[in-house]
C-alpha atoms as a PDB file:
ATOM      1  CA  MET A   1      28.183   5.823  24.913  1.00  0.00           C
ATOM      2  CA  LYS A   2      31.180   7.684  25.576  1.00  0.00           C
ATOM      3  CA  GLN A   3      33.039   5.976  22.621  1.00  0.00           C
ATOM      4  CA  ARG A   4      29.898   6.057  20.885  1.00  0.00           C
ATOM      5  CA  ILE A   5      30.124  10.313  21.167  1.00  0.00           C
ATOM      6  CA  ILE A   6      34.165  10.396  20.606  1.00  0.00           C
ATOM      7  CA  THR A   7      33.781   8.404  17.637  1.00  0.00           C
ATOM      8  CA  ALA A   8      31.733  10.657  16.640  1.00  0.00           C
ATOM      9  CA  LEU A   9      33.360  13.940  16.904  1.00  0.00           C
ATOM     10  CA  ILE A  10      36.029  12.803  15.596  1.00  0.00           C
ATOM     11  CA  LEU A  11      34.051  10.754  12.075  1.00  0.00           C
ATOM     12  CA  ALA A  12      31.412  13.955  11.814  1.00  0.00           C
ATOM     13  CA  PRO A  13      33.714  17.040  10.937  1.00  0.00           C
ATOM     14  CA  LEU A  14      36.191  14.643   9.295  1.00  0.00           C
ATOM     15  CA  ALA A  15      33.117  14.171   6.734  1.00  0.00           C
ATOM     16  CA  ILE A  16      31.474  17.186   6.848  1.00  0.00           C
ATOM     17  CA  ALA A  17      35.548  18.619   5.779  1.00  0.00           C
ATOM     18  CA  GLY A  18      35.941  15.318   3.157  1.00  0.00           C
ATOM     19  CA  VAL A  19      32.309  17.108   1.552  1.00  0.00           C
ATOM     20  CA  PHE A  20      32.934  20.516   1.395  1.00  0.00           C
ATOM     21  CA  PHE A  21      36.758  21.163   0.451  1.00  0.00           C
ATOM     22  CA  LEU A  22      37.455  18.511  -2.144  1.00  0.00           C
ATOM     23  CA  PRO A  23      37.710  18.696  -5.955  1.00  0.00           C
ATOM     24  CA  LEU A  24      35.185  16.381  -7.041  1.00  0.00           C
ATOM     25  CA  LYS A  25      37.761  13.819  -8.318  1.00  0.00           C
ATOM     26  CA  PHE A  26      39.523  13.162  -4.696  1.00  0.00           C
ATOM     27  CA  PHE A  27      35.343  13.252  -3.118  1.00  0.00           C
ATOM     28  CA  MET A  28      35.233  10.378  -5.655  1.00  0.00           C
ATOM     29  CA  LEU A  29      37.920   8.398  -4.201  1.00  0.00           C
ATOM     30  CA  PHE A  30      36.557   9.438  -0.745  1.00  0.00           C
ATOM     31  CA  CYS A  31      33.357   7.702  -1.327  1.00  0.00           C
ATOM     32  CA  ALA A  32      34.489   4.622  -3.127  1.00  0.00           C
ATOM     33  CA  ALA A  33      37.475   4.278   0.243  1.00  0.00           C
ATOM     34  CA  VAL A  34      33.243   4.372   1.686  1.00  0.00           C
ATOM     35  CA  PHE A  35      32.075   1.805  -0.735  1.00  0.00           C
ATOM     36  CA  LEU A  36      34.743  -0.783  -0.642  1.00  0.00           C
ATOM     37  CA  LEU A  37      34.259  -0.721   3.144  1.00  0.00           C
ATOM     38  CA  ALA A  38      31.089  -0.703   2.792  1.00  0.00           C
ATOM     39  CA  SER A  39      31.040  -3.605   0.479  1.00  0.00           C
ATOM     40  CA  LYS A  40      33.363  -6.095   2.449  1.00  0.00           C
ATOM     41  CA  GLU A  41      30.916  -5.487   5.220  1.00  0.00           C
ATOM     42  CA  TRP A  42      27.589  -6.673   2.929  1.00  0.00           C
ATOM     43  CA  GLY A  43      30.310 -10.109   2.597  1.00  0.00           C
ATOM     44  CA  GLY A  44      28.917 -10.684   5.877  1.00  0.00           C
ATOM     45  CA  PHE A  45      25.434 -10.743   5.168  1.00  0.00           C
ATOM     46  CA  VAL A  46      26.239 -12.802   1.477  1.00  0.00           C
ATOM     47  CA  SER A  47      27.775 -15.405   4.199  1.00  0.00           C
ATOM     48  CA  LYS A  48      29.204 -16.491   7.484  1.00  0.00           C
ATOM     49  CA  LYS A  49      32.516 -17.972   5.815  1.00  0.00           C
ATOM     50  CA  PRO A  50      35.104 -14.644   6.057  1.00  0.00           C
ATOM     51  CA  SER A  51      36.055 -13.890   2.137  1.00  0.00           C
ATOM     52  CA  SER A  52      36.643 -11.092   0.262  1.00  0.00           C
ATOM     53  CA  LEU A  53      35.123 -12.634  -3.260  1.00  0.00           C
ATOM     54  CA  VAL A  54      32.154  -9.810  -2.553  1.00  0.00           C
ATOM     55  CA  LEU A  55      34.581  -6.968  -1.860  1.00  0.00           C
ATOM     56  CA  TYR A  56      36.415  -7.812  -4.893  1.00  0.00           C
ATOM     57  CA  LEU A  57      33.645  -8.295  -7.501  1.00  0.00           C
ATOM     58  CA  PHE A  58      31.874  -4.811  -5.880  1.00  0.00           C
ATOM     59  CA  ALA A  59      35.223  -3.095  -6.810  1.00  0.00           C
ATOM     60  CA  LEU A  60      34.751  -4.504 -10.047  1.00  0.00           C
ATOM     61  CA  LEU A  61      31.578  -3.370 -10.770  1.00  0.00           C
ATOM     62  CA  LEU A  62      31.881  -0.304  -9.408  1.00  0.00           C
ATOM     63  CA  GLY A  63      34.945   0.672 -11.973  1.00  0.00           C
ATOM     64  CA  ALA A  64      33.063  -0.832 -14.758  1.00  0.00           C
ATOM     65  CA  THR A  65      30.485   2.276 -13.980  1.00  0.00           C
ATOM     66  CA  LEU A  66      33.231   4.760 -14.119  1.00  0.00           C
ATOM     67  CA  LEU A  67      34.551   3.535 -17.219  1.00  0.00           C
ATOM     68  CA  PHE A  68      31.187   4.163 -18.686  1.00  0.00           C
ATOM     69  CA  ILE A  69      30.747   7.484 -16.598  1.00  0.00           C
ATOM     70  CA  PRO A  70      33.905   9.485 -15.804  1.00  0.00           C
ATOM     71  CA  VAL A  71      34.387  12.417 -13.904  1.00  0.00           C
ATOM     72  CA  GLU A  72      34.146  15.044 -17.473  1.00  0.00           C
ATOM     73  CA  GLN A  73      30.542  13.633 -18.192  1.00  0.00           C
ATOM     74  CA  ILE A  74      28.635  13.368 -15.111  1.00  0.00           C
ATOM     75  CA  TRP A  75      27.335  16.315 -17.303  1.00  0.00           C
ATOM     76  CA  LEU A  76      26.063  16.794 -20.259  1.00  0.00           C
ATOM     77  CA  ASN A  77      25.641  20.431 -22.070  1.00  0.00           C
ATOM     78  CA  GLY A  78      24.256  21.144 -18.412  1.00  0.00           C
ATOM     79  CA  THR A  79      21.936  18.508 -17.947  1.00  0.00           C
ATOM     80  CA  VAL A  80      23.039  15.043 -15.742  1.00  0.00           C
ATOM     81  CA  ASN A  81      24.820  11.629 -18.185  1.00  0.00           C
ATOM     82  CA  PRO A  82      21.304   9.508 -19.386  1.00  0.00           C
ATOM     83  CA  LEU A  83      22.734   6.806 -17.955  1.00  0.00           C
ATOM     84  CA  LEU A  84      23.314   8.889 -14.249  1.00  0.00           C
ATOM     85  CA  THR A  85      19.474   9.610 -14.807  1.00  0.00           C
ATOM     86  CA  ASN A  86      18.540   6.447 -15.525  1.00  0.00           C
ATOM     87  CA  GLY A  87      20.444   4.471 -13.273  1.00  0.00           C
ATOM     88  CA  LEU A  88      19.390   6.758  -9.916  1.00  0.00           C
ATOM     89  CA  THR A  89      15.983   6.223 -11.420  1.00  0.00           C
ATOM     90  CA  LEU A  90      16.044   2.062 -11.074  1.00  0.00           C
ATOM     91  CA  ALA A  91      17.942   2.478  -7.931  1.00  0.00           C
ATOM     92  CA  ALA A  92      14.456   4.196  -6.589  1.00  0.00           C
ATOM     93  CA  ALA A  93      12.266   1.152  -7.923  1.00  0.00           C
ATOM     94  CA  TRP A  94      14.633  -0.956  -5.996  1.00  0.00           C
ATOM     95  CA  TRP A  95      13.842   0.430  -2.496  1.00  0.00           C
ATOM     96  CA  CYS A  96      10.157   0.268  -3.807  1.00  0.00           C
ATOM     97  CA  LEU A  97      11.480  -3.127  -3.665  1.00  0.00           C
ATOM     98  CA  SER A  98      12.838  -3.509  -0.449  1.00  0.00           C
ATOM     99  CA  LEU A  99       9.379  -1.902   1.242  1.00  0.00           C
ATOM    100  CA  VAL A 100       7.942  -4.542   0.320  1.00  0.00           C
ATOM    101  CA  MET A 101      10.339  -6.743   1.473  1.00  0.00           C
ATOM    102  CA  VAL A 102      10.229  -5.005   5.172  1.00  0.00           C
ATOM    103  CA  VAL A 103       6.426  -4.776   4.998  1.00  0.00           C
ATOM    104  CA  THR A 104       5.655  -8.740   4.061  1.00  0.00           C
ATOM    105  CA  TYR A 105       9.221 -10.133   6.390  1.00  0.00           C
ATOM    106  CA  PRO A 106       9.807 -12.511   7.654  1.00  0.00           C
ATOM    107  CA  LYS A 107       7.346 -14.466   4.942  1.00  0.00           C
ATOM    108  CA  THR A 108       9.661 -13.788   2.008  1.00  0.00           C
ATOM    109  CA  ALA A 109      12.433 -14.113   3.619  1.00  0.00           C
ATOM    110  CA  SER A 110      12.979 -18.024   2.972  1.00  0.00           C
ATOM    111  CA  ILE A 111      12.828 -16.426  -1.641  1.00  0.00           C
ATOM    112  CA  TRP A 112      16.354 -14.808  -0.760  1.00  0.00           C
ATOM    113  CA  LYS A 113      17.474 -15.483   2.656  1.00  0.00           C
ATOM    114  CA  ASP A 114      19.646 -18.859   0.975  1.00  0.00           C
ATOM    115  CA  ASN A 115      20.577 -16.858  -2.036  1.00  0.00           C
ATOM    116  CA  LYS A 116      24.243 -15.024  -2.262  1.00  0.00           C
ATOM    117  CA  ILE A 117      23.913 -13.762  -5.928  1.00  0.00           C
ATOM    118  CA  ILE A 118      20.330 -12.432  -4.965  1.00  0.00           C
ATOM    119  CA  LYS A 119      21.738 -11.533  -1.345  1.00  0.00           C
ATOM    120  CA  SER A 120      25.039  -9.715  -3.382  1.00  0.00           C
ATOM    121  CA  LEU A 121      22.274  -8.056  -6.116  1.00  0.00           C
ATOM    122  CA  PHE A 122      20.483  -6.337  -3.301  1.00  0.00           C
ATOM    123  CA  GLY A 123      24.122  -5.399  -1.596  1.00  0.00           C
ATOM    124  CA  LEU A 124      24.825  -3.579  -6.107  1.00  0.00           C
ATOM    125  CA  PHE A 125      21.023  -2.325  -5.988  1.00  0.00           C
ATOM    126  CA  THR A 126      22.041  -0.620  -2.623  1.00  0.00           C
ATOM    127  CA  LEU A 127      25.530   0.976  -2.852  1.00  0.00           C
ATOM    128  CA  ILE A 128      26.352   1.171  -6.314  1.00  0.00           C
ATOM    129  CA  PRO A 129      23.281   4.105  -5.914  1.00  0.00           C
ATOM    130  CA  PHE A 130      24.451   5.425  -2.896  1.00  0.00           C
ATOM    131  CA  PHE A 131      28.237   6.163  -4.679  1.00  0.00           C
ATOM    132  CA  TRP A 132      26.533   7.902  -7.660  1.00  0.00           C
ATOM    133  CA  GLY A 133      24.036   9.478  -5.292  1.00  0.00           C
ATOM    134  CA  MET A 134      26.597  11.247  -3.548  1.00  0.00           C
ATOM    135  CA  VAL A 135      28.820  12.428  -5.858  1.00  0.00           C
ATOM    136  CA  LEU A 136      25.661  13.793  -8.560  1.00  0.00           C
ATOM    137  CA  LEU A 137      25.056  16.314  -5.439  1.00  0.00           C
ATOM    138  CA  ARG A 138      28.155  17.271  -5.509  1.00  0.00           C
ATOM    139  CA  SER A 139      29.131  17.851  -8.820  1.00  0.00           C
ATOM    140  CA  VAL A 140      25.704  20.351  -8.953  1.00  0.00           C
ATOM    141  CA  ASN A 141      26.894  23.210 -10.173  1.00  0.00           C
ATOM    142  CA  ILE A 142      30.206  23.123  -8.703  1.00  0.00           C
ATOM    143  CA  ASP A 143      32.277  24.483 -12.072  1.00  0.00           C
ATOM    144  CA  HIS A 144      30.204  27.998 -10.701  1.00  0.00           C
ATOM    145  CA  ASP A 145      29.310  27.422  -7.085  1.00  0.00           C
ATOM    146  CA  PHE A 146      32.073  25.133  -5.197  1.00  0.00           C
ATOM    147  CA  TYR A 147      29.959  24.960  -2.198  1.00  0.00           C
ATOM    148  CA  TYR A 148      26.113  24.604  -3.023  1.00  0.00           C
ATOM    149  CA  GLY A 149      26.472  20.701  -4.429  1.00  0.00           C
ATOM    150  CA  ALA A 150      27.829  20.641  -0.811  1.00  0.00           C
ATOM    151  CA  GLU A 151      25.221  22.489   0.857  1.00  0.00           C
ATOM    152  CA  LEU A 152      22.716  20.677  -1.066  1.00  0.00           C
ATOM    153  CA  LEU A 153      24.167  16.536   0.185  1.00  0.00           C
ATOM    154  CA  MET A 154      24.590  17.989   3.698  1.00  0.00           C
ATOM    155  CA  PHE A 155      20.845  18.928   3.189  1.00  0.00           C
ATOM    156  CA  VAL A 156      19.951  15.073   3.413  1.00  0.00           C
ATOM    157  CA  PHE A 157      22.487  14.701   5.995  1.00  0.00           C
ATOM    158  CA  LEU A 158      20.840  16.890   8.292  1.00  0.00           C
ATOM    159  CA  LEU A 159      17.736  15.163   7.230  1.00  0.00           C
ATOM    160  CA  VAL A 160      18.544  11.646   7.772  1.00  0.00           C
ATOM    161  CA  TRP A 161      19.858  13.019  11.152  1.00  0.00           C
ATOM    162  CA  ALA A 162      17.643  15.232  12.843  1.00  0.00           C
ATOM    163  CA  ALA A 163      14.987  12.619  11.529  1.00  0.00           C
ATOM    164  CA  ASP A 164      17.189   9.822  13.802  1.00  0.00           C
ATOM    165  CA  THR A 165      17.651  12.073  16.722  1.00  0.00           C
ATOM    166  CA  GLY A 166      13.961  12.956  16.814  1.00  0.00           C
ATOM    167  CA  ALA A 167      13.008   9.507  16.594  1.00  0.00           C
ATOM    168  CA  TYR A 168      14.766   8.001  19.245  1.00  0.00           C
ATOM    169  CA  PHE A 169      14.396  10.469  21.991  1.00  0.00           C
ATOM    170  CA  CYS A 170      10.481  11.113  20.938  1.00  0.00           C
ATOM    171  CA  GLY A 171      10.420   7.013  20.810  1.00  0.00           C
ATOM    172  CA  LYS A 172      11.895   6.709  24.139  1.00  0.00           C
ATOM    173  CA  LYS A 173       9.719   9.213  25.547  1.00  0.00           C
ATOM    174  CA  PHE A 174       6.056   8.136  24.305  1.00  0.00           C
ATOM    175  CA  GLY A 175       6.848   5.128  21.374  1.00  0.00           C
ATOM    176  CA  LYS A 176       4.448   2.327  22.300  1.00  0.00           C
ATOM    177  CA  HIS A 177       2.799   1.312  19.356  1.00  0.00           C
ATOM    178  CA  LYS A 178       5.755  -1.078  16.614  1.00  0.00           C
ATOM    179  CA  LEU A 179       6.950  -0.077  13.949  1.00  0.00           C
ATOM    180  CA  ALA A 180       8.250  -2.814  12.402  1.00  0.00           C
ATOM    181  CA  ALA A 181       7.941  -5.686  14.949  1.00  0.00           C
ATOM    182  CA  ASN A 182       9.240  -8.153  12.527  1.00  0.00           C
ATOM    183  CA  VAL A 183      12.145  -6.479  11.754  1.00  0.00           C
ATOM    184  CA  SER A 184      12.915  -3.879  13.972  1.00  0.00           C
ATOM    185  CA  PRO A 185      11.105  -4.330  17.445  1.00  0.00           C
ATOM    186  CA  GLY A 186      12.925  -0.745  19.205  1.00  0.00           C
ATOM    187  CA  LYS A 187      11.741   1.344  16.303  1.00  0.00           C
ATOM    188  CA  THR A 188       8.031   2.791  17.431  1.00  0.00           C
ATOM    189  CA  ILE A 189       5.286   4.174  15.304  1.00  0.00           C
ATOM    190  CA  GLU A 190       5.834   7.254  17.733  1.00  0.00           C
ATOM    191  CA  GLY A 191       9.501   7.887  16.720  1.00  0.00           C
ATOM    192  CA  PHE A 192       9.313   7.770  13.192  1.00  0.00           C
ATOM    193  CA  LEU A 193       6.626  10.451  13.474  1.00  0.00           C
ATOM    194  CA  GLY A 194       9.145  12.683  15.745  1.00  0.00           C
ATOM    195  CA  GLY A 195      11.620  11.811  13.888  1.00  0.00           C
ATOM    196  CA  MET A 196       9.372  12.872  10.698  1.00  0.00           C
ATOM    197  CA  MET A 197       8.990  16.587  12.597  1.00  0.00           C
ATOM    198  CA  SER A 198      12.107  17.426  12.969  1.00  0.00           C
ATOM    199  CA  SER A 199      13.384  17.230   9.753  1.00  0.00           C
ATOM    200  CA  MET A 200      10.607  18.528   8.597  1.00  0.00           C
ATOM    201  CA  VAL A 201      11.669  21.631  10.954  1.00  0.00           C
ATOM    202  CA  VAL A 202      15.026  20.811   8.787  1.00  0.00           C
ATOM    203  CA  ALA A 203      13.365  20.923   5.054  1.00  0.00           C
ATOM    204  CA  PHE A 204      11.999  24.156   6.553  1.00  0.00           C
ATOM    205  CA  ILE A 205      15.446  26.011   7.365  1.00  0.00           C
ATOM    206  CA  ALA A 206      17.131  24.516   4.019  1.00  0.00           C
ATOM    207  CA  SER A 207      14.154  26.176   2.472  1.00  0.00           C
ATOM    208  CA  VAL A 208      15.010  30.033   3.268  1.00  0.00           C
ATOM    209  CA  PHE A 209      18.804  29.191   3.413  1.00  0.00           C
ATOM    210  CA  PHE A 210      18.197  27.440  -0.570  1.00  0.00           C
ATOM    211  CA  VAL A 211      15.906  30.414  -1.198  1.00  0.00           C
ATOM    212  CA  ILE A 212      13.111  27.562  -3.327  1.00  0.00           C
ATOM    213  CA  PRO A 213      11.528  29.927  -5.628  1.00  0.00           C
ATOM    214  CA  ALA A 214       8.141  30.005  -4.610  1.00  0.00           C
ATOM    215  CA  GLU A 215       6.603  27.841  -7.299  1.00  0.00           C
ATOM    216  CA  LYS A 216       8.920  24.768  -6.416  1.00  0.00           C
ATOM    217  CA  MET A 217       8.633  24.926  -2.123  1.00  0.00           C
ATOM    218  CA  VAL A 218       5.671  22.371  -2.618  1.00  0.00           C
ATOM    219  CA  PHE A 219       7.745  20.045  -4.873  1.00  0.00           C
ATOM    220  CA  PHE A 220      10.475  20.653  -2.139  1.00  0.00           C
ATOM    221  CA  PHE A 221       8.695  19.997   0.970  1.00  0.00           C
ATOM    222  CA  ILE A 222       7.719  16.700  -1.112  1.00  0.00           C
ATOM    223  CA  ALA A 223      11.265  15.838  -1.634  1.00  0.00           C
ATOM    224  CA  ALA A 224      12.589  16.485   1.941  1.00  0.00           C
ATOM    225  CA  PHE A 225       9.058  13.782   2.827  1.00  0.00           C
ATOM    226  CA  VAL A 226      10.094  11.365   1.307  1.00  0.00           C
ATOM    227  CA  THR A 227      13.555  11.196   1.018  1.00  0.00           C
ATOM    228  CA  ASN A 228      12.927  11.015   5.213  1.00  0.00           C
ATOM    229  CA  ILE A 229      10.608   8.108   4.355  1.00  0.00           C
ATOM    230  CA  VAL A 230      12.802   6.597   2.057  1.00  0.00           C
ATOM    231  CA  SER A 231      15.538   7.042   5.047  1.00  0.00           C
ATOM    232  CA  ALA A 232      14.076   5.523   7.653  1.00  0.00           C
ATOM    233  CA  LEU A 233      13.670   2.395   5.235  1.00  0.00           C
ATOM    234  CA  GLY A 234      17.188   1.742   4.375  1.00  0.00           C
ATOM    235  CA  ASP A 235      18.009   1.080   8.121  1.00  0.00           C
ATOM    236  CA  LEU A 236      14.987  -1.167   8.361  1.00  0.00           C
ATOM    237  CA  SER A 237      16.378  -2.874   5.301  1.00  0.00           C
ATOM    238  CA  GLU A 238      19.865  -3.531   6.844  1.00  0.00           C
ATOM    239  CA  SER A 239      18.419  -4.910  10.245  1.00  0.00           C
ATOM    240  CA  ILE A 240      15.933  -7.376   7.604  1.00  0.00           C
ATOM    241  CA  PHE A 241      20.074  -8.619   6.209  1.00  0.00           C
ATOM    242  CA  LYS A 242      21.634  -8.350   9.970  1.00  0.00           C
ATOM    243  CA  ARG A 243      18.769 -10.516  11.077  1.00  0.00           C
ATOM    244  CA  GLU A 244      19.608 -13.219   8.795  1.00  0.00           C
ATOM    245  CA  ALA A 245      23.019 -12.898   8.664  1.00  0.00           C
ATOM    246  CA  GLY A 246      22.854 -13.738  12.702  1.00  0.00           C
ATOM    247  CA  LEU A 247      25.011 -10.286  13.457  1.00  0.00           C
ATOM    248  CA  LYS A 248      23.942  -7.807  15.856  1.00  0.00           C
ATOM    249  CA  ASP A 249      26.266  -5.245  13.711  1.00  0.00           C
ATOM    250  CA  SER A 250      27.539  -4.909  10.537  1.00  0.00           C
ATOM    251  CA  GLY A 251      30.619  -5.277  11.344  1.00  0.00           C
ATOM    252  CA  ASN A 252      33.449  -3.614  14.120  1.00  0.00           C
ATOM    253  CA  LEU A 253      35.288  -0.822  12.316  1.00  0.00           C
ATOM    254  CA  LEU A 254      33.855   1.983  14.363  1.00  0.00           C
ATOM    255  CA  PRO A 255      33.705   1.549  18.042  1.00  0.00           C
ATOM    256  CA  GLY A 256      30.403   2.293  19.633  1.00  0.00           C
ATOM    257  CA  HIS A 257      28.865   2.185  16.353  1.00  0.00           C
ATOM    258  CA  GLY A 258      29.564  -1.171  14.815  1.00  0.00           C
ATOM    259  CA  GLY A 259      30.626  -1.086  10.922  1.00  0.00           C
ATOM    260  CA  ILE A 260      30.132   1.202   8.061  1.00  0.00           C
ATOM    261  CA  LEU A 261      27.156  -0.035   7.088  1.00  0.00           C
ATOM    262  CA  ASP A 262      25.334   0.919  10.792  1.00  0.00           C
ATOM    263  CA  ARG A 263      25.960   4.174  10.020  1.00  0.00           C
ATOM    264  CA  ILE A 264      25.009   4.836   6.593  1.00  0.00           C
ATOM    265  CA  ASP A 265      22.056   2.334   6.025  1.00  0.00           C
ATOM    266  CA  SER A 266      19.647   5.338   6.210  1.00  0.00           C
ATOM    267  CA  LEU A 267      21.591   6.778   3.762  1.00  0.00           C
ATOM    268  CA  THR A 268      22.400   4.893   1.169  1.00  0.00           C
ATOM    269  CA  ALA A 269      18.395   4.985   0.289  1.00  0.00           C
ATOM    270  CA  ALA A 270      18.158   9.088   1.171  1.00  0.00           C
ATOM    271  CA  VAL A 271      21.185  10.379  -0.905  1.00  0.00           C
ATOM    272  CA  PRO A 272      20.228   8.450  -4.415  1.00  0.00           C
ATOM    273  CA  VAL A 273      16.397   9.019  -3.891  1.00  0.00           C
ATOM    274  CA  PHE A 274      17.154  12.447  -3.218  1.00  0.00           C
ATOM    275  CA  ALA A 275      18.708  13.491  -6.148  1.00  0.00           C
ATOM    276  CA  VAL A 276      16.308  12.098  -8.752  1.00  0.00           C
ATOM    277  CA  LEU A 277      13.808  13.577  -6.886  1.00  0.00           C
ATOM    278  CA  TYR A 278      16.032  17.361  -7.801  1.00  0.00           C
ATOM    279  CA  LEU A 279      16.486  16.076 -11.057  1.00  0.00           C
ATOM    280  CA  ILE A 280      12.332  15.979 -11.779  1.00  0.00           C
ATOM    281  CA  TRP A 281      11.674  19.026  -8.844  1.00  0.00           C
ATOM    282  CA  LEU A 282      14.204  21.010  -8.294  1.00  0.00           C
ATOM    283  CA  ASN A 283      17.049  21.343 -10.872  1.00  0.00           C
END
């Protein structure tokens, strides 16, 4: 636990500083570094034999998306590039499929667990939208208010962190009924509800901070609610891949925490889904 706390105290300020103070192009490089580290770990889900093939493939495909959507074309005449909008919408559809996988696990695992191509596609559907969701949210209104997008992104982070913290303490004290026993036996319905309550407190505070118009207030809380649910799905989804790969953690890069994927699993779902909801309802 001591090692875990020390790592968190070092990484959290660095991540927050990167979100708030890096210019957009450097922020994209920061997100790309996280993407590459996560891609390397995803390779462990695809094959038990160490290989950099998945890393190279994921890097190549991320580079291809950057060619189609350069930083200067993320926004076109005040609206998001249609390629980015459509891509993030497809990512939301992927998380619907992921929900089916979690609910039906382990029965449906036989369809994909021995197929490296399918598992690689699952990784691409998880990590590339995460990269673009981070970049898009950070870029919102950046020419008029440099910190606005950073505040949006931090709101999503706080939603997820509050949900994780609330779920941990409520689950530990009140947890009796398993949330997804076949996927992650330690998670409980009581913990999930505790996490939901914690994240709604964050959403209420954020609604005051962002001065959400009254006509959009309901949509704001719905967006926060859905983001909270899908963040739990991101965690459970990664647990499935770790279980099928026979891994306790996705890696050992972060002392006391495991790998990069272990830290961003909830965010890989929460960030792109919130980005889509923001585009539809709140922008």
